[in-house]
Amino acid sequence: MRKTSTMRRAPRQNNRPHRRHHAEAPQNAQRNYQRYLALAQAEAKNGDQIAAENYYQHAEHYLRSMHEAGART
């Protein structure tokens, strides 16, 4: 009788390339940039500097995405 292993196999890797939605649709990146910038400004105004910095970092990510998408065109 064959003994089965109790170890689980690692999940298979998906071979599809990772899609970068914000790079494919610059208007979405711009909308998200504006949204996170507004959220950051609101939090800064309310005095929550930690939340504001978090939102500023998100806004910066989308700003870089917009510049990257612009450089490719």
N, C-alpha and C. Protein backbone atom coordinates (compact mmCIF):
# COMPACT_ATOMS: atom_id res chain seq x y z
N MET A 1 0.83 -1.18 0.00
CA MET A 1 0.00 0.00 0.00
C MET A 1 0.88 1.25 0.00
N ARG A 2 0.48 2.21 -0.81
CA ARG A 2 1.26 3.43 -0.97
C ARG A 2 0.87 4.44 0.10
N LYS A 3 1.87 5.01 0.73
CA LYS A 3 1.63 6.00 1.78
C LYS A 3 1.53 7.39 1.15
N THR A 4 0.52 8.13 1.47
CA THR A 4 0.35 9.47 0.91
C THR A 4 1.00 10.49 1.83
N SER A 5 1.53 11.50 1.22
CA SER A 5 2.18 12.56 1.98
C SER A 5 1.14 13.48 2.59
N THR A 6 1.43 13.94 3.78
CA THR A 6 0.51 14.87 4.44
C THR A 6 0.87 16.32 4.12
N MET A 7 2.00 16.50 3.43
CA MET A 7 2.38 17.86 3.07
C MET A 7 1.54 18.33 1.89
N ARG A 8 1.18 19.59 1.95
CA ARG A 8 0.40 20.16 0.85
C ARG A 8 1.35 20.69 -0.21
N ARG A 9 0.94 20.58 -1.43
CA ARG A 9 1.73 21.14 -2.53
C ARG A 9 1.56 22.65 -2.58
N ALA A 10 2.60 23.29 -3.04
CA ALA A 10 2.52 24.73 -3.24
C ALA A 10 1.56 25.02 -4.38
N PRO A 11 0.80 26.09 -4.29
CA PRO A 11 -0.13 26.41 -5.38
C PRO A 11 0.65 26.70 -6.67
N ARG A 12 0.05 26.35 -7.78
CA ARG A 12 0.69 26.60 -9.07
C ARG A 12 0.74 28.09 -9.35
N GLN A 13 1.82 28.47 -9.97
CA GLN A 13 1.96 29.86 -10.36
C GLN A 13 1.17 30.11 -11.63
N ASN A 14 0.54 31.22 -11.68
CA ASN A 14 -0.20 31.60 -12.88
C ASN A 14 0.79 32.23 -13.85
N ASN A 15 0.87 31.73 -15.05
CA ASN A 15 1.84 32.21 -16.02
C ASN A 15 1.39 33.44 -16.80
N ARG A 16 0.22 33.93 -16.52
CA ARG A 16 -0.24 35.14 -17.21
C ARG A 16 0.53 36.35 -16.69
N PRO A 17 0.85 37.28 -17.56
CA PRO A 17 1.58 38.47 -17.10
C PRO A 17 0.71 39.33 -16.20
N HIS A 18 1.36 40.01 -15.28
CA HIS A 18 0.65 40.89 -14.36
C HIS A 18 0.18 42.13 -15.13
N ARG A 19 -1.09 42.43 -15.01
CA ARG A 19 -1.63 43.59 -15.72
C ARG A 19 -1.58 44.80 -14.81
N ARG A 20 -1.13 45.87 -15.35
CA ARG A 20 -1.08 47.13 -14.60
C ARG A 20 -2.19 48.02 -15.11
N HIS A 21 -3.33 47.97 -14.44
CA HIS A 21 -4.51 48.68 -14.92
C HIS A 21 -4.30 50.18 -14.99
N HIS A 22 -3.61 50.74 -14.00
CA HIS A 22 -3.44 52.18 -14.01
C HIS A 22 -2.52 52.63 -15.13
N ALA A 23 -1.61 51.78 -15.57
CA ALA A 23 -0.74 52.15 -16.69
C ALA A 23 -1.49 52.04 -18.01
N GLU A 24 -2.46 51.16 -18.07
CA GLU A 24 -3.22 50.99 -19.30
C GLU A 24 -4.30 52.05 -19.47
N ALA A 25 -4.73 52.63 -18.40
CA ALA A 25 -5.78 53.64 -18.46
C ALA A 25 -5.33 54.88 -17.68
N PRO A 26 -4.61 55.79 -18.33
CA PRO A 26 -4.08 56.96 -17.62
C PRO A 26 -5.15 57.81 -16.95
N GLN A 27 -6.36 57.82 -17.50
CA GLN A 27 -7.40 58.62 -16.86
C GLN A 27 -7.76 58.06 -15.49
N ASN A 28 -7.65 56.74 -15.32
CA ASN A 28 -7.90 56.15 -14.00
C ASN A 28 -6.80 56.54 -13.03
N ALA A 29 -5.56 56.57 -13.50
CA ALA A 29 -4.45 56.96 -12.64
C ALA A 29 -4.61 58.42 -12.21
N GLN A 30 -5.05 59.25 -13.14
CA GLN A 30 -5.24 60.66 -12.79
C GLN A 30 -6.38 60.83 -11.79
N ARG A 31 -7.46 60.10 -12.01
CA ARG A 31 -8.59 60.16 -11.08
C ARG A 31 -8.18 59.68 -9.69
N ASN A 32 -7.43 58.59 -9.62
CA ASN A 32 -6.98 58.07 -8.33
C ASN A 32 -6.00 59.01 -7.66
N TYR A 33 -5.13 59.62 -8.45
CA TYR A 33 -4.19 60.60 -7.91
C TYR A 33 -4.95 61.74 -7.24
N GLN A 34 -5.93 62.29 -7.95
CA GLN A 34 -6.70 63.40 -7.40
C GLN A 34 -7.49 62.99 -6.16
N ARG A 35 -8.01 61.77 -6.19
CA ARG A 35 -8.79 61.28 -5.05
C ARG A 35 -7.91 61.15 -3.81
N TYR A 36 -6.74 60.51 -3.96
CA TYR A 36 -5.86 60.32 -2.80
C TYR A 36 -5.25 61.63 -2.33
N LEU A 37 -5.00 62.54 -3.25
CA LEU A 37 -4.49 63.85 -2.85
C LEU A 37 -5.53 64.59 -2.01
N ALA A 38 -6.79 64.55 -2.43
CA ALA A 38 -7.85 65.19 -1.66
C ALA A 38 -8.02 64.54 -0.29
N LEU A 39 -7.95 63.22 -0.24
CA LEU A 39 -8.04 62.53 1.05
C LEU A 39 -6.88 62.92 1.96
N ALA A 40 -5.68 63.01 1.41
CA ALA A 40 -4.52 63.40 2.20
C ALA A 40 -4.67 64.81 2.74
N GLN A 41 -5.14 65.71 1.91
CA GLN A 41 -5.32 67.10 2.36
C GLN A 41 -6.38 67.19 3.45
N ALA A 42 -7.44 66.40 3.32
CA ALA A 42 -8.50 66.41 4.33
C ALA A 42 -7.97 65.87 5.66
N GLU A 43 -7.20 64.80 5.60
CA GLU A 43 -6.65 64.24 6.84
C GLU A 43 -5.64 65.20 7.48
N ALA A 44 -4.84 65.86 6.66
CA ALA A 44 -3.89 66.83 7.19
C ALA A 44 -4.62 67.98 7.87
N LYS A 45 -5.71 68.40 7.26
CA LYS A 45 -6.51 69.49 7.84
C LYS A 45 -7.13 69.06 9.17
N ASN A 46 -7.50 67.76 9.26
CA ASN A 46 -8.08 67.24 10.50
C ASN A 46 -7.03 66.93 11.56
N GLY A 47 -5.75 67.02 11.19
CA GLY A 47 -4.69 66.82 12.16
C GLY A 47 -4.14 65.41 12.23
N ASP A 48 -4.59 64.53 11.37
CA ASP A 48 -4.09 63.15 11.39
C ASP A 48 -2.96 63.03 10.36
N GLN A 49 -1.74 63.31 10.81
CA GLN A 49 -0.60 63.34 9.91
C GLN A 49 -0.22 61.95 9.40
N ILE A 50 -0.47 60.91 10.18
CA ILE A 50 -0.13 59.55 9.75
C ILE A 50 -1.04 59.13 8.60
N ALA A 51 -2.33 59.36 8.73
CA ALA A 51 -3.26 59.02 7.65
C ALA A 51 -2.98 59.88 6.42
N ALA A 52 -2.65 61.15 6.66
CA ALA A 52 -2.34 62.05 5.54
C ALA A 52 -1.13 61.54 4.77
N GLU A 53 -0.08 61.14 5.48
CA GLU A 53 1.12 60.63 4.81
C GLU A 53 0.82 59.37 4.02
N ASN A 54 -0.03 58.52 4.57
CA ASN A 54 -0.42 57.30 3.86
C ASN A 54 -1.10 57.66 2.53
N TYR A 55 -2.03 58.59 2.58
CA TYR A 55 -2.72 59.00 1.36
C TYR A 55 -1.78 59.72 0.39
N TYR A 56 -0.84 60.52 0.92
CA TYR A 56 0.14 61.17 0.05
C TYR A 56 0.99 60.14 -0.68
N GLN A 57 1.35 59.06 0.00
CA GLN A 57 2.14 58.02 -0.64
C GLN A 57 1.35 57.33 -1.74
N HIS A 58 0.06 57.11 -1.50
CA HIS A 58 -0.78 56.53 -2.55
C HIS A 58 -0.87 57.49 -3.74
N ALA A 59 -1.05 58.77 -3.47
CA ALA A 59 -1.13 59.76 -4.55
C ALA A 59 0.18 59.79 -5.33
N GLU A 60 1.30 59.71 -4.64
CA GLU A 60 2.59 59.73 -5.32
C GLU A 60 2.75 58.51 -6.23
N HIS A 61 2.25 57.38 -5.81
CA HIS A 61 2.30 56.18 -6.64
C HIS A 61 1.59 56.43 -7.98
N TYR A 62 0.40 57.00 -7.91
CA TYR A 62 -0.35 57.25 -9.15
C TYR A 62 0.28 58.37 -9.97
N LEU A 63 0.92 59.32 -9.32
CA LEU A 63 1.63 60.37 -10.06
C LEU A 63 2.78 59.75 -10.85
N ARG A 64 3.55 58.85 -10.22
CA ARG A 64 4.62 58.16 -10.94
C ARG A 64 4.07 57.32 -12.08
N SER A 65 2.92 56.69 -11.85
CA SER A 65 2.30 55.88 -12.91
C SER A 65 1.92 56.73 -14.11
N MET A 66 1.40 57.92 -13.84
CA MET A 66 1.04 58.82 -14.93
C MET A 66 2.27 59.25 -15.71
N HIS A 67 3.35 59.57 -15.01
CA HIS A 67 4.58 59.96 -15.70
C HIS A 67 5.16 58.81 -16.50
N GLU A 68 5.09 57.62 -15.95
CA GLU A 68 5.59 56.44 -16.65
C GLU A 68 4.77 56.17 -17.92
N ALA A 69 3.45 56.30 -17.80
CA ALA A 69 2.59 56.07 -18.97
C ALA A 69 2.84 57.15 -20.02
N GLY A 70 3.09 58.37 -19.61
CA GLY A 70 3.37 59.46 -20.54
C GLY A 70 4.70 59.28 -21.24
N ALA A 71 5.66 58.70 -20.56
CA ALA A 71 6.98 58.49 -21.16
C ALA A 71 6.94 57.39 -22.21
N ARG A 72 6.00 56.46 -22.08
CA ARG A 72 5.89 55.35 -23.02
C ARG A 72 5.18 55.76 -24.31
N THR A 73 4.43 56.84 -24.26
CA THR A 73 3.67 57.21 -25.47
C THR A 73 4.44 58.18 -26.32
